[in-house]
């Protein structure tokens, strides 16, 4: 993940100063453990500014409105209490070439500064610190004790101190090329590495961008560059310093991440309109991707373990049922014994008697210490015990099998979310996690509250005739699709007796789906199921009014009637997605 360097931070601050100062602070909301959002109102607009001290994604930029969920973090409550209603009047750098900003708050523009919110964008040491007008620390996002750092502890009640000063030379527009080149070539080595060692305010991503813009490679050796190479690189160096001085920036996407100088050809169709949009899109996407990968792995492991345990339990119950199938055999043996008491002799360990129906000889094991009647009574008791076992085990097996069917349905939804492509993918994954928490399969250490907002981020496609096709990403969306959204004219699809997504073909009143539309829906139903790797999969379709949810059934579990069957082709479904570029809204 590309870190926010000095150039990026300067561009973001320049944009915020021109667009958001002065502004009234109306609200503070903490999005997560590493990000707070400040709600600001200016004369002509209102919006949110994100401040993040994430070790990999620390940043300061305008952001999206936060979700409507309770904020339970202490840090945001302290900021809200001290800064609420005050005016943000300045955003300044505390020292040249330092990635530390001072957000200054007063009662109104022109009044004395009451509070300083120091934002330190320094990788894994990033922090946000609130200090009063005497520069005493009141609260911090991350407090550092004397044991953690003897160089710079950060604790409430202590004076705010700057981070240790940088020792590398500061870039200067007035420095001649000869002196600049001399610093970089003092010790021969790779060009990119020597630039990083020679000056402050640089990052690996930015050095690579500058060197490539000059037509060079970061891995080139300094003693291999020609005079024209050095002149071209120095030209870019001066261009960078001039852009910082004039606050002239051009946000764009690059092959590795982003740029705020526009030196490279954009790797996307459209560049962001602002630096804030660039940073917000990039870091939100990267963090979502990380969270998606971790959460998907966690859920996949949990489901695999649960299904393995349940399958073992189901196998045990099945074995006990197979044993109970012998109940009738013991009753028949007992009847044979009672009908042939005269054939028994004391001390017998086995008796062979003719079967009532076939006449074939039947061997019956005996207990030598018991007489014939006692042996028959033992066989009757064994018959009754196995019959009772069947009556007890059958409902247990049915319950376990229903649980397996449900978890396989969840697993099928999880397999459909194979990679992060858009925020809706992470939301769908979080809904699966919340569903498993509500069903008691996962613990909820953060005590999340279930969102009641209707799910709307289904997979969306168009059938050959132009009808909309909706596919649930998880069980919550499956229920939403089947019981809240489905209309009288729609057609409902699902793989027959195979876990998979609920699929809804939306039809306007009076419209009739063609065979191609039905086959299209069947193919995608097969693709979004556990039978994705099969060549053909039976898919049922019916009217939504014939789909029911049994009382007490788990999310996504339904019964249906008046169904018809089509054979879905998962590979054809995959081909549809490839042709469409897998673009779902």
Protein backbone atom coordinates (compact mmCIF):
# COMPACT_ATOMS: atom_id res chain seq x y z
CA UNK A 1 0.00 0.00 0.00
CA UNK A 2 1.39 3.38 -1.02
CA UNK A 3 1.93 5.61 2.06
CA UNK A 4 0.93 9.27 2.14
CA UNK A 5 4.26 11.11 1.79
CA UNK A 6 5.14 14.77 2.28
CA UNK A 7 4.07 15.75 -1.25
CA UNK A 8 0.70 14.01 -0.90
CA UNK A 9 0.11 15.60 2.49
CA UNK A 10 1.00 19.05 1.16
CA UNK A 11 -1.45 18.61 -1.72
CA UNK A 12 -4.23 17.45 0.61
CA UNK A 13 -3.66 20.35 3.04
CA UNK A 14 -3.60 22.90 0.23
CA UNK A 15 -6.95 21.61 -1.00
CA UNK A 16 -8.49 21.59 2.49
CA UNK A 17 -7.25 25.10 3.26
CA UNK A 18 -8.77 26.51 0.08
CA UNK A 19 -12.06 24.66 0.39
CA UNK A 20 -12.80 24.26 4.09
CA UNK A 21 -11.39 27.23 6.04
CA UNK A 22 -12.84 28.65 8.11
CA UNK A 23 -15.45 26.04 9.10
CA UNK A 24 -17.62 25.26 12.10
CA UNK A 25 -17.07 21.84 13.69
CA UNK A 26 -20.53 20.31 14.12
CA UNK A 27 -19.84 16.66 14.87
CA UNK A 28 -17.07 14.12 15.47
CA UNK A 29 -17.55 10.47 14.55
CA UNK A 30 -14.97 7.69 14.90
CA UNK A 31 -15.31 5.26 12.01
CA UNK A 32 -12.96 2.61 13.39
CA UNK A 33 -9.94 2.18 15.67
CA UNK A 34 -7.79 4.37 13.42
CA UNK A 35 -10.05 6.99 11.81
CA UNK A 36 -12.13 9.94 13.01
CA UNK A 37 -14.38 12.06 10.80
CA UNK A 38 -14.99 15.75 11.48
CA UNK A 39 -18.26 17.24 10.27
CA UNK A 40 -17.53 20.77 9.04
CA UNK A 41 -19.84 23.51 7.84
CA UNK A 42 -18.66 26.51 5.83
CA UNK A 43 -20.69 29.39 4.46
CA UNK A 44 -21.70 27.47 1.37
CA UNK A 45 -21.38 23.75 2.13
CA UNK A 46 -21.20 20.95 4.68
CA UNK A 47 -19.06 17.82 4.58
CA UNK A 48 -16.78 15.42 6.39
CA UNK A 49 -13.00 15.40 6.76
CA UNK A 50 -11.28 12.12 7.65
CA UNK A 51 -8.21 11.99 9.89
CA UNK A 52 -6.57 8.57 10.03
CA UNK A 53 -3.58 7.32 12.02
CA UNK A 54 -3.72 3.84 10.46
CA UNK A 55 -0.16 2.37 10.38
CA UNK A 56 -0.42 1.73 6.63
CA UNK A 57 -3.06 4.23 5.53
CA UNK A 58 -2.57 7.39 7.63
CA UNK A 59 -4.09 10.37 5.81
CA UNK A 60 -6.00 13.64 6.00
CA UNK A 61 -8.66 14.27 3.36
CA UNK A 62 -12.34 15.00 2.75
CA UNK A 63 -14.34 11.79 3.03
CA UNK A 64 -17.77 10.22 2.78
CA UNK A 65 -20.51 10.60 5.43
CA UNK A 66 -20.12 7.97 8.17
CA UNK A 67 -22.64 5.15 8.67
CA UNK A 68 -25.62 5.62 10.95
CA UNK A 69 -24.35 3.32 13.67
CA UNK A 70 -23.55 4.31 17.26
CA UNK A 71 -20.07 5.69 17.95
CA UNK A 72 -18.74 4.04 21.12
CA UNK A 73 -15.10 5.20 21.00
CA UNK A 74 -13.76 7.32 23.86
CA UNK A 75 -11.35 9.36 21.73
CA UNK A 76 -14.10 10.79 19.52
CA UNK A 77 -16.22 11.59 22.58
CA UNK A 78 -13.34 13.60 24.05
CA UNK A 79 -12.82 15.48 20.76
CA UNK A 80 -16.55 16.15 20.51
CA UNK A 81 -16.65 17.47 24.06
CA UNK A 82 -13.70 19.85 23.65
CA UNK A 83 -14.06 20.98 20.03
CA UNK A 84 -17.80 20.84 19.38
CA UNK A 85 -19.12 24.17 18.10
CA UNK A 86 -15.69 25.76 17.64
CA UNK A 87 -14.29 27.02 14.34
CA UNK A 88 -11.45 25.34 12.46
CA UNK A 89 -9.47 28.43 11.50
CA UNK A 90 -6.10 27.12 10.29
CA UNK A 91 -4.23 24.04 9.06
CA UNK A 92 -0.48 24.63 9.32
CA UNK A 93 2.74 22.63 9.16
CA UNK A 94 4.51 22.64 12.52
CA UNK A 95 7.94 22.67 10.81
CA UNK A 96 9.29 22.63 7.26
CA UNK A 97 9.35 19.20 5.60
CA UNK A 98 7.67 17.57 8.60
CA UNK A 99 4.58 15.37 8.12
CA UNK A 100 2.94 16.90 11.19
CA UNK A 101 -0.03 19.25 10.85
CA UNK A 102 -1.63 21.57 13.37
CA UNK A 103 -5.41 21.96 13.05
CA UNK A 104 -6.20 25.08 15.07
CA UNK A 105 -9.58 25.77 16.65
CA UNK A 106 -10.98 29.06 18.04
CA UNK A 107 -14.41 30.42 18.95
CA UNK A 108 -14.48 32.33 15.66
CA UNK A 109 -11.95 33.44 13.02
CA UNK A 110 -9.61 36.06 14.46
CA UNK A 111 -10.02 34.94 18.07
CA UNK A 112 -7.17 33.40 20.11
CA UNK A 113 -6.46 29.73 19.39
CA UNK A 114 -8.03 27.51 22.08
CA UNK A 115 -7.11 24.02 20.87
CA UNK A 116 -4.49 22.35 18.68
CA UNK A 117 -5.26 19.03 17.00
CA UNK A 118 -1.88 17.67 15.92
CA UNK A 119 -2.06 15.15 13.07
CA UNK A 120 1.15 13.13 12.69
CA UNK A 121 1.29 11.19 9.41
CA UNK A 122 4.35 9.02 10.05
CA UNK A 123 3.60 5.45 9.01
CA UNK A 124 3.32 3.04 11.93
CA UNK A 125 4.07 5.91 14.35
CA UNK A 126 1.13 8.01 13.12
CA UNK A 127 -0.97 9.65 15.80
CA UNK A 128 -3.57 12.34 16.48
CA UNK A 129 -3.06 14.45 19.62
CA UNK A 130 -5.29 17.13 21.14
CA UNK A 131 -3.52 19.88 23.10
CA UNK A 132 -4.97 22.97 24.78
CA UNK A 133 -3.87 26.59 24.33
CA UNK A 134 -0.98 25.95 26.78
CA UNK A 135 0.11 23.07 24.52
CA UNK A 136 -0.61 20.46 27.20
CA UNK A 137 -1.86 17.10 25.90
CA UNK A 138 -5.51 16.50 26.79
CA UNK A 139 -6.06 13.28 24.84
CA UNK A 140 -4.40 11.22 22.12
CA UNK A 141 -5.50 8.52 19.74
CA UNK A 142 -2.54 6.44 20.84
CA UNK A 143 -0.83 7.16 24.15
CA UNK A 144 2.83 6.19 24.48
CA UNK A 145 4.22 5.43 27.95
CA UNK A 146 7.79 5.93 29.18
CA UNK A 147 8.36 2.18 28.88
CA UNK A 148 7.25 2.17 25.24
CA UNK A 149 9.43 5.14 24.30
CA UNK A 150 11.96 6.96 26.40
CA UNK A 151 12.62 9.37 23.52
CA UNK A 152 9.10 10.75 23.12
CA UNK A 153 6.37 9.59 25.51
CA UNK A 154 2.86 10.86 24.73
CA UNK A 155 0.62 11.07 27.80
CA UNK A 156 -2.15 13.34 29.00
CA UNK A 157 -1.06 16.33 31.08
CA UNK A 158 2.39 16.49 29.51
CA UNK A 159 3.53 19.25 27.10
CA UNK A 160 3.26 18.36 23.43
CA UNK A 161 6.71 17.82 21.92
CA UNK A 162 7.60 17.62 18.27
CA UNK A 163 8.83 14.31 16.83
CA UNK A 164 12.63 14.00 16.70
CA UNK A 165 14.03 16.37 14.08
CA UNK A 166 15.03 15.00 10.70
CA UNK A 167 18.78 15.05 10.02
CA UNK A 168 18.81 14.70 6.23
CA UNK A 169 19.27 17.88 4.16
CA UNK A 170 16.09 19.68 3.11
CA UNK A 171 15.42 20.08 -0.63
CA UNK A 172 15.86 23.65 -1.87
CA UNK A 173 14.92 25.25 -5.17
CA UNK A 174 18.00 27.47 -4.89
CA UNK A 175 20.44 24.58 -4.68
CA UNK A 176 22.52 24.35 -7.91
CA UNK A 177 22.53 21.16 -9.94
CA UNK A 178 26.22 20.53 -9.24
CA UNK A 179 25.70 20.49 -5.46
CA UNK A 180 22.50 18.44 -5.78
CA UNK A 181 24.20 15.87 -8.03
CA UNK A 182 27.20 15.76 -5.71
CA UNK A 183 25.00 14.79 -2.72
CA UNK A 184 23.36 11.94 -4.61
CA UNK A 185 26.58 10.57 -6.11
CA UNK A 186 28.68 10.91 -2.95
CA UNK A 187 28.39 7.15 -2.44
CA UNK A 188 27.85 5.20 -5.68
CA UNK A 189 24.74 3.04 -5.67
CA UNK A 190 21.24 2.65 -7.06
CA UNK A 191 19.75 5.99 -8.09
CA UNK A 192 16.45 5.64 -6.21
CA UNK A 193 18.09 4.49 -2.99
CA UNK A 194 20.70 7.27 -3.05
CA UNK A 195 18.04 9.96 -3.55
CA UNK A 196 16.10 8.65 -0.55
CA UNK A 197 19.23 8.72 1.60
CA UNK A 198 20.30 12.19 0.49
CA UNK A 199 17.18 14.31 1.16
CA UNK A 200 14.19 14.48 3.48
CA UNK A 201 10.58 14.69 2.30
CA UNK A 202 10.88 11.81 -0.16
CA UNK A 203 9.26 8.38 -0.32
CA UNK A 204 10.03 5.28 -2.38
CA UNK A 205 6.85 5.69 -4.46
CA UNK A 206 7.53 9.36 -5.16
CA UNK A 207 11.21 8.79 -6.06
CA UNK A 208 10.20 6.03 -8.45
CA UNK A 209 7.63 8.35 -10.04
CA UNK A 210 10.15 11.17 -10.45
CA UNK A 211 12.91 8.94 -11.84
CA UNK A 212 10.56 7.26 -14.33
CA UNK A 213 9.20 10.66 -15.40
CA UNK A 214 12.79 11.56 -16.28
CA UNK A 215 13.03 8.44 -18.46
CA UNK A 216 15.25 6.53 -16.02
CA UNK A 217 14.99 3.50 -13.73
CA UNK A 218 15.32 3.62 -9.90
CA UNK A 219 17.66 0.61 -9.99
CA UNK A 220 20.15 2.31 -12.33
CA UNK A 221 23.57 2.98 -10.80
CA UNK A 222 24.40 6.63 -10.22
CA UNK A 223 27.74 6.36 -12.00
CA UNK A 224 26.03 5.04 -15.16
CA UNK A 225 23.97 8.20 -15.80
CA UNK A 226 24.97 10.59 -18.57
CA UNK A 227 24.99 14.37 -18.22
CA UNK A 228 21.71 14.63 -20.12
CA UNK A 229 20.18 12.06 -17.73
CA UNK A 230 21.17 14.18 -14.75
CA UNK A 231 19.80 17.34 -16.42
CA UNK A 232 16.44 15.68 -17.12
CA UNK A 233 16.22 14.36 -13.55
CA UNK A 234 17.16 17.77 -12.09
CA UNK A 235 14.48 19.37 -14.26
CA UNK A 236 11.88 17.07 -12.65
CA UNK A 237 13.35 17.87 -9.22
CA UNK A 238 12.90 21.59 -9.81
CA UNK A 239 9.44 21.02 -11.24
CA UNK A 240 8.45 19.20 -8.03
CA UNK A 241 9.76 21.99 -5.77
CA UNK A 242 7.96 24.58 -7.86
CA UNK A 243 4.70 22.61 -7.61
CA UNK A 244 5.05 22.53 -3.82
CA UNK A 245 5.75 26.26 -3.67
CA UNK A 246 2.87 27.21 -5.98
CA UNK A 247 0.53 24.50 -4.61
CA UNK A 248 -0.08 23.22 -8.12
CA UNK A 249 -1.19 19.58 -8.08
CA UNK A 250 -2.81 17.16 -10.51
CA UNK A 251 -4.20 13.97 -8.93
CA UNK A 252 -4.19 10.85 -11.10
CA UNK A 253 -3.96 7.06 -10.93
CA UNK A 254 -0.76 5.17 -11.65
CA UNK A 255 0.16 1.55 -12.25
CA UNK A 256 1.28 1.08 -8.62
CA UNK A 257 -1.16 3.47 -6.92
CA UNK A 258 -1.61 7.22 -7.34
CA UNK A 259 0.19 10.50 -7.98
CA UNK A 260 -0.61 14.12 -7.10
CA UNK A 261 1.69 15.62 -9.75
CA UNK A 262 0.28 14.02 -12.90
CA UNK A 263 3.69 12.96 -14.25
CA UNK A 264 2.54 9.55 -15.47
CA UNK A 265 -0.13 8.36 -17.85
CA UNK A 266 -3.29 7.47 -15.95
CA UNK A 267 -4.02 3.77 -15.59
CA UNK A 268 -7.79 4.30 -15.35
CA UNK A 269 -10.44 5.72 -17.63
CA UNK A 270 -11.10 8.78 -15.49
CA UNK A 271 -8.94 10.55 -12.94
CA UNK A 272 -10.36 11.87 -9.63
CA UNK A 273 -11.56 15.45 -9.51
CA UNK A 274 -9.64 16.27 -6.34
CA UNK A 275 -6.80 15.09 -4.12
CA UNK A 276 -9.31 14.18 -1.40
CA UNK A 277 -11.30 12.02 -3.80
CA UNK A 278 -8.05 10.34 -4.87
CA UNK A 279 -6.94 9.57 -1.30
CA UNK A 280 -10.38 8.58 -0.08
CA UNK A 281 -10.94 6.20 -3.00
CA UNK A 282 -7.46 4.67 -2.85
CA UNK A 283 -7.17 4.06 0.89
CA UNK A 284 -10.80 3.06 1.37
CA UNK A 285 -10.42 0.51 -1.42
CA UNK A 286 -7.13 -0.86 -0.10
CA UNK A 287 -8.38 -1.15 3.48
CA UNK A 288 -11.63 -2.73 2.31
CA UNK A 289 -9.60 -5.21 0.30
CA UNK A 290 -7.51 -6.12 3.35
CA UNK A 291 -10.56 -6.46 5.57
CA UNK A 292 -12.37 -8.51 2.91
CA UNK A 293 -9.48 -10.95 2.62
CA UNK A 294 -9.14 -11.38 6.38
CA UNK A 295 -12.88 -11.69 7.02
CA UNK A 296 -13.40 -14.13 4.17
CA UNK A 297 -10.58 -16.34 5.46
CA UNK A 298 -12.04 -16.21 8.98
CA UNK A 299 -15.55 -17.12 7.80
CA UNK A 300 -14.29 -19.82 5.45
CA UNK A 301 -12.27 -21.47 8.23
CA UNK A 302 -15.20 -21.27 10.65
CA UNK A 303 -17.66 -22.77 8.16
CA UNK A 304 -15.25 -25.57 7.24
CA UNK A 305 -14.76 -26.49 10.92
CA UNK A 306 -18.50 -26.32 11.67
CA UNK A 307 -19.44 -28.45 8.66
CA UNK A 308 -16.74 -31.01 9.47
CA UNK A 309 -18.04 -31.39 13.05
CA UNK A 310 -21.66 -31.57 11.92
CA UNK A 311 -20.86 -34.13 9.24
CA UNK A 312 -19.10 -36.27 11.84
CA UNK A 313 -22.15 -36.01 14.08
CA UNK A 314 -24.46 -36.88 11.17
CA UNK A 315 -22.34 -39.94 10.32
CA UNK A 316 -22.53 -41.10 13.94
CA UNK A 317 -26.32 -40.77 13.96
CA UNK A 318 -26.56 -42.58 10.61
CA UNK A 319 -24.52 -45.48 11.97
CA UNK A 320 -26.83 -45.70 14.99
CA UNK A 321 -29.83 -45.77 12.66
CA UNK A 322 -28.25 -48.56 10.66
CA UNK A 323 -27.81 -50.51 13.87
CA UNK A 324 -31.46 -49.94 14.75
CA UNK A 325 -32.43 -51.51 11.40
CA UNK A 326 -31.57 -54.83 13.05
CA UNK A 327 -34.42 -54.42 15.58
CA UNK A 328 -36.80 -56.57 13.53
CA UNK A 329 -34.14 -59.31 13.24
CA UNK A 330 -33.93 -59.62 17.04
CA UNK A 331 -37.73 -59.80 17.35
CA UNK A 332 -37.88 -62.58 14.74
CA UNK A 333 -35.13 -64.49 16.55
CA UNK A 334 -37.02 -64.13 19.84
CA UNK A 335 -40.23 -65.41 18.19
CA UNK A 336 -38.31 -68.42 16.80
CA UNK A 337 -36.97 -69.19 20.27
CA UNK A 338 -40.41 -69.06 21.89
CA UNK A 339 -41.85 -71.32 19.18
CA UNK A 340 -39.05 -73.88 19.56
CA UNK A 341 -38.44 -74.06 23.33
CA UNK A 342 -38.21 -77.86 23.07
CA UNK A 343 -35.12 -77.60 20.87
CA UNK A 344 -33.08 -75.82 23.53
CA UNK A 345 -30.51 -77.76 25.55
CA UNK A 346 -28.73 -76.50 28.71
CA UNK A 347 -25.29 -74.94 28.08
CA UNK A 348 -25.97 -74.17 24.38
CA UNK A 349 -24.07 -71.18 22.97
CA UNK A 350 -25.92 -71.24 19.65
CA UNK A 351 -29.10 -72.74 18.27
CA UNK A 352 -30.05 -73.24 14.63
CA UNK A 353 -33.76 -73.04 13.82
CA UNK A 354 -35.77 -72.95 10.58
CA UNK A 355 -37.05 -69.52 9.53
CA UNK A 356 -40.85 -69.12 9.64
CA UNK A 357 -41.16 -67.73 6.10
CA UNK A 358 -38.29 -69.21 4.09
CA UNK A 359 -37.53 -72.33 6.04
CA UNK A 360 -33.84 -71.57 5.80
CA UNK A 361 -31.72 -72.40 8.85
CA UNK A 362 -31.17 -69.38 11.11
CA UNK A 363 -28.32 -69.24 13.65
CA UNK A 364 -29.18 -67.54 16.96
CA UNK A 365 -26.39 -66.79 19.50
CA UNK A 366 -27.32 -67.76 23.09
CA UNK A 367 -26.08 -66.98 26.58
CA UNK A 368 -25.21 -70.42 28.14
CA UNK A 369 -26.13 -69.37 31.69
CA UNK A 370 -29.71 -68.49 30.64
CA UNK A 371 -32.53 -70.83 29.68
CA UNK A 372 -34.52 -70.58 26.43
CA UNK A 373 -37.15 -68.18 27.74
CA UNK A 374 -34.56 -65.90 29.29
CA UNK A 375 -32.60 -65.78 26.00
CA UNK A 376 -35.81 -64.92 24.12
CA UNK A 377 -36.62 -62.17 26.63
CA UNK A 378 -33.09 -60.72 26.13
CA UNK A 379 -33.69 -60.61 22.38
CA UNK A 380 -37.06 -58.87 22.90
CA UNK A 381 -35.38 -56.29 25.14
CA UNK A 382 -32.69 -55.64 22.52
CA UNK A 383 -35.44 -55.17 19.93
CA UNK A 384 -37.22 -52.59 22.11
CA UNK A 385 -33.97 -50.75 22.87
CA UNK A 386 -33.10 -50.38 19.18
CA UNK A 387 -36.63 -49.19 18.38
CA UNK A 388 -36.36 -46.53 21.09
CA UNK A 389 -32.95 -45.54 19.74
CA UNK A 390 -34.42 -45.02 16.26
CA UNK A 391 -37.19 -42.83 17.64
CA UNK A 392 -34.61 -40.73 19.49
CA UNK A 393 -31.97 -40.56 16.75
CA UNK A 394 -34.17 -39.78 13.74
CA UNK A 395 -35.14 -36.24 14.89
CA UNK A 396 -31.53 -35.57 15.95
CA UNK A 397 -30.27 -36.58 12.51
CA UNK A 398 -32.94 -34.43 10.83
CA UNK A 399 -31.90 -31.46 12.98
CA UNK A 400 -28.21 -31.91 12.16
CA UNK A 401 -28.96 -32.35 8.47
CA UNK A 402 -31.01 -29.13 8.45
CA UNK A 403 -28.08 -27.34 10.08
CA UNK A 404 -25.71 -28.76 7.45
CA UNK A 405 -28.05 -27.61 4.66
CA UNK A 406 -28.16 -24.12 6.14
CA UNK A 407 -24.38 -23.82 6.55
CA UNK A 408 -23.85 -25.17 3.04
CA UNK A 409 -26.15 -22.38 1.83
CA UNK A 410 -23.95 -19.87 3.68
CA UNK A 411 -20.83 -21.51 2.28
CA UNK A 412 -22.28 -21.23 -1.22
CA UNK A 413 -22.83 -17.50 -0.74
CA UNK A 414 -19.27 -17.18 0.55
CA UNK A 415 -17.85 -18.99 -2.48
CA UNK A 416 -19.61 -16.46 -4.72
CA UNK A 417 -17.67 -13.68 -2.97
CA UNK A 418 -14.31 -14.92 -4.17
CA UNK A 419 -12.57 -11.53 -4.50
CA UNK A 420 -13.05 -7.87 -3.58
CA UNK A 421 -14.22 -5.74 -6.50
CA UNK A 422 -16.41 -3.05 -4.95
CA UNK A 423 -17.63 -1.91 -1.48
CA UNK A 424 -20.80 -3.97 -1.92
CA UNK A 425 -18.67 -7.13 -1.74
CA UNK A 426 -17.37 -6.23 1.71
CA UNK A 427 -20.86 -5.25 2.85
CA UNK A 428 -22.22 -8.61 1.69
CA UNK A 429 -19.43 -10.38 3.58
CA UNK A 430 -20.18 -8.38 6.73
CA UNK A 431 -23.84 -9.35 6.41
CA UNK A 432 -22.79 -13.02 6.35
CA UNK A 433 -20.70 -12.44 9.47
CA UNK A 434 -23.61 -10.69 11.23
CA UNK A 435 -25.94 -13.52 10.21
CA UNK A 436 -23.61 -16.14 11.72
CA UNK A 437 -23.36 -14.03 14.88
CA UNK A 438 -27.15 -13.77 15.14
CA UNK A 439 -27.45 -17.55 14.67
CA UNK A 440 -24.89 -18.18 17.43
CA UNK A 441 -22.13 -19.60 15.24
CA UNK A 442 -19.75 -16.68 15.86
CA UNK A 443 -18.99 -14.59 18.91
CA UNK A 444 -19.40 -10.83 18.68
CA UNK A 445 -16.62 -9.17 20.69
CA UNK A 446 -17.64 -5.71 19.46
CA UNK A 447 -21.36 -6.20 20.26
CA UNK A 448 -22.49 -5.06 16.83
CA UNK A 449 -26.09 -4.08 16.26
CA UNK A 450 -27.86 -5.66 13.33
CA UNK A 451 -28.63 -3.18 10.56
CA UNK A 452 -32.28 -2.98 9.61
CA UNK A 453 -31.54 -1.18 6.33
CA UNK A 454 -33.01 -3.21 3.45
CA UNK A 455 -30.35 -4.91 1.36
CA UNK A 456 -30.11 -3.41 -2.12
CA UNK A 457 -26.64 -4.38 -3.37
CA UNK A 458 -27.71 -7.57 -5.15
CA UNK A 459 -25.86 -8.86 -8.17
CA UNK A 460 -27.65 -7.24 -11.11
CA UNK A 461 -27.68 -8.48 -14.71
CA UNK A 462 -29.79 -8.11 -17.85
CA UNK A 463 -31.40 -11.07 -19.59
CA UNK A 464 -31.28 -11.39 -23.41
CA UNK A 465 -34.69 -9.66 -23.65
CA UNK A 466 -33.55 -6.83 -21.38
CA UNK A 467 -35.28 -7.95 -18.17
CA UNK A 468 -33.50 -7.30 -14.87
CA UNK A 469 -32.08 -10.33 -13.07
CA UNK A 470 -31.31 -10.02 -9.35
CA UNK A 471 -29.17 -12.51 -7.40
CA UNK A 472 -28.72 -12.53 -3.61
CA UNK A 473 -25.15 -12.32 -2.33
CA UNK A 474 -26.00 -13.91 1.06
CA UNK A 475 -28.93 -15.29 3.04
CA UNK A 476 -30.05 -11.87 4.24
CA UNK A 477 -30.30 -10.70 0.66
CA UNK A 478 -31.93 -13.99 -0.38
CA UNK A 479 -34.76 -13.40 2.10
CA UNK A 480 -35.03 -9.76 1.02
CA UNK A 481 -35.25 -10.83 -2.61
CA UNK A 482 -37.79 -13.63 -2.15
CA UNK A 483 -40.17 -12.15 0.42
CA UNK A 484 -39.96 -8.36 0.15
CA UNK A 485 -38.93 -7.47 -3.37
CA UNK A 486 -40.49 -10.22 -5.48
CA UNK A 487 -43.65 -9.17 -7.33
CA UNK A 488 -46.58 -11.13 -8.72
CA UNK A 489 -45.21 -11.15 -12.28
CA UNK A 490 -41.62 -12.12 -11.42
CA UNK A 491 -40.05 -15.59 -11.74
CA UNK A 492 -38.08 -17.14 -8.84
CA UNK A 493 -35.16 -19.55 -9.46
CA UNK A 494 -33.05 -21.84 -7.25
CA UNK A 495 -30.90 -24.91 -7.75
CA UNK A 496 -32.84 -28.07 -6.89
CA UNK A 497 -31.79 -29.47 -3.50
CA UNK A 498 -28.39 -27.76 -3.86
CA UNK A 499 -27.28 -24.77 -1.79
CA UNK A 500 -27.18 -21.59 -3.82
CA UNK A 501 -28.39 -18.03 -4.23
CA UNK A 502 -32.01 -17.01 -4.71
CA UNK A 503 -32.48 -15.58 -8.21
CA UNK A 504 -35.31 -13.29 -9.32
CA UNK A 505 -36.19 -12.45 -12.92
CA UNK A 506 -38.11 -9.14 -12.80
CA UNK A 507 -40.96 -8.94 -15.32
CA UNK A 508 -43.15 -5.88 -15.90
CA UNK A 509 -46.93 -6.54 -15.87
CA UNK A 510 -48.01 -8.19 -19.10
CA UNK A 511 -44.49 -9.29 -20.09
CA UNK A 512 -43.56 -12.90 -20.81
CA UNK A 513 -40.08 -14.31 -20.43
CA UNK A 514 -38.65 -16.01 -23.50
CA UNK A 515 -36.88 -19.37 -23.34
CA UNK A 516 -33.55 -17.56 -23.64
CA UNK A 517 -34.38 -15.44 -20.55
CA UNK A 518 -35.29 -18.51 -18.51
CA UNK A 519 -32.14 -20.34 -19.61
CA UNK A 520 -30.03 -17.27 -18.82
CA UNK A 521 -31.48 -17.17 -15.28
CA UNK A 522 -31.00 -20.93 -14.87
CA UNK A 523 -27.36 -20.75 -15.98
CA UNK A 524 -26.57 -17.98 -13.50
CA UNK A 525 -28.49 -19.80 -10.74
CA UNK A 526 -26.27 -22.82 -11.36
CA UNK A 527 -23.15 -20.64 -11.39
CA UNK A 528 -24.00 -19.03 -8.03
CA UNK A 529 -24.40 -22.40 -6.26
CA UNK A 530 -22.29 -25.14 -4.72
CA UNK A 531 -22.51 -27.02 -8.03
CA UNK A 532 -20.54 -24.33 -9.90
CA UNK A 533 -18.00 -26.89 -11.13
CA UNK A 534 -20.63 -29.25 -12.60
CA UNK A 535 -21.57 -29.35 -16.27
CA UNK A 536 -25.34 -29.38 -15.73
CA UNK A 537 -27.36 -28.55 -12.63
CA UNK A 538 -31.12 -28.94 -12.09
CA UNK A 539 -32.71 -25.54 -11.45
CA UNK A 540 -36.30 -25.04 -10.32
CA UNK A 541 -38.37 -21.97 -11.13
CA UNK A 542 -41.78 -20.90 -9.95
CA UNK A 543 -43.85 -17.85 -9.09
CA UNK A 544 -42.75 -16.01 -5.92
CA UNK A 545 -46.18 -16.60 -4.32
CA UNK A 546 -45.37 -20.32 -4.24
CA UNK A 547 -42.18 -19.79 -2.20
CA UNK A 548 -42.63 -20.11 1.59
CA UNK A 549 -40.47 -19.82 4.69
CA UNK A 550 -41.20 -22.54 7.29
CA UNK A 551 -41.82 -21.34 10.81
CA UNK A 552 -38.53 -21.07 12.69
CA UNK A 553 -36.42 -21.64 9.56
CA UNK A 554 -32.97 -20.10 9.39
CA UNK A 555 -32.20 -17.22 7.01
CA UNK A 556 -32.25 -18.18 3.34
CA UNK A 557 -34.06 -21.51 3.92
CA UNK A 558 -37.35 -21.88 2.00
CA UNK A 559 -39.76 -24.43 0.57
CA UNK A 560 -41.57 -24.12 -2.75
CA UNK A 561 -44.25 -25.82 -4.85
CA UNK A 562 -45.65 -25.79 -8.41
CA UNK A 563 -42.08 -25.69 -9.66
CA UNK A 564 -40.73 -26.50 -13.09
CA UNK A 565 -37.21 -27.69 -13.87
CA UNK A 566 -34.55 -26.39 -16.24
CA UNK A 567 -30.99 -27.62 -16.60
CA UNK A 568 -28.60 -24.82 -15.72
CA UNK A 569 -25.09 -24.69 -17.18
CA UNK A 570 -22.61 -23.08 -14.75
CA UNK A 571 -19.92 -22.71 -17.42
CA UNK A 572 -22.34 -20.77 -19.61
CA UNK A 573 -23.08 -18.57 -16.61
CA UNK A 574 -19.36 -17.94 -16.22
CA UNK A 575 -19.15 -17.02 -19.91
CA UNK A 576 -21.98 -14.49 -19.49
CA UNK A 577 -20.05 -12.81 -16.67
CA UNK A 578 -16.84 -12.72 -18.71
CA UNK A 579 -18.62 -11.12 -21.66
CA UNK A 580 -20.23 -8.55 -19.39
CA UNK A 581 -16.88 -7.79 -17.77
CA UNK A 582 -18.37 -8.96 -14.47
CA UNK A 583 -19.80 -5.45 -14.01
CA UNK A 584 -22.56 -5.64 -11.43
CA UNK A 585 -23.91 -2.57 -9.72
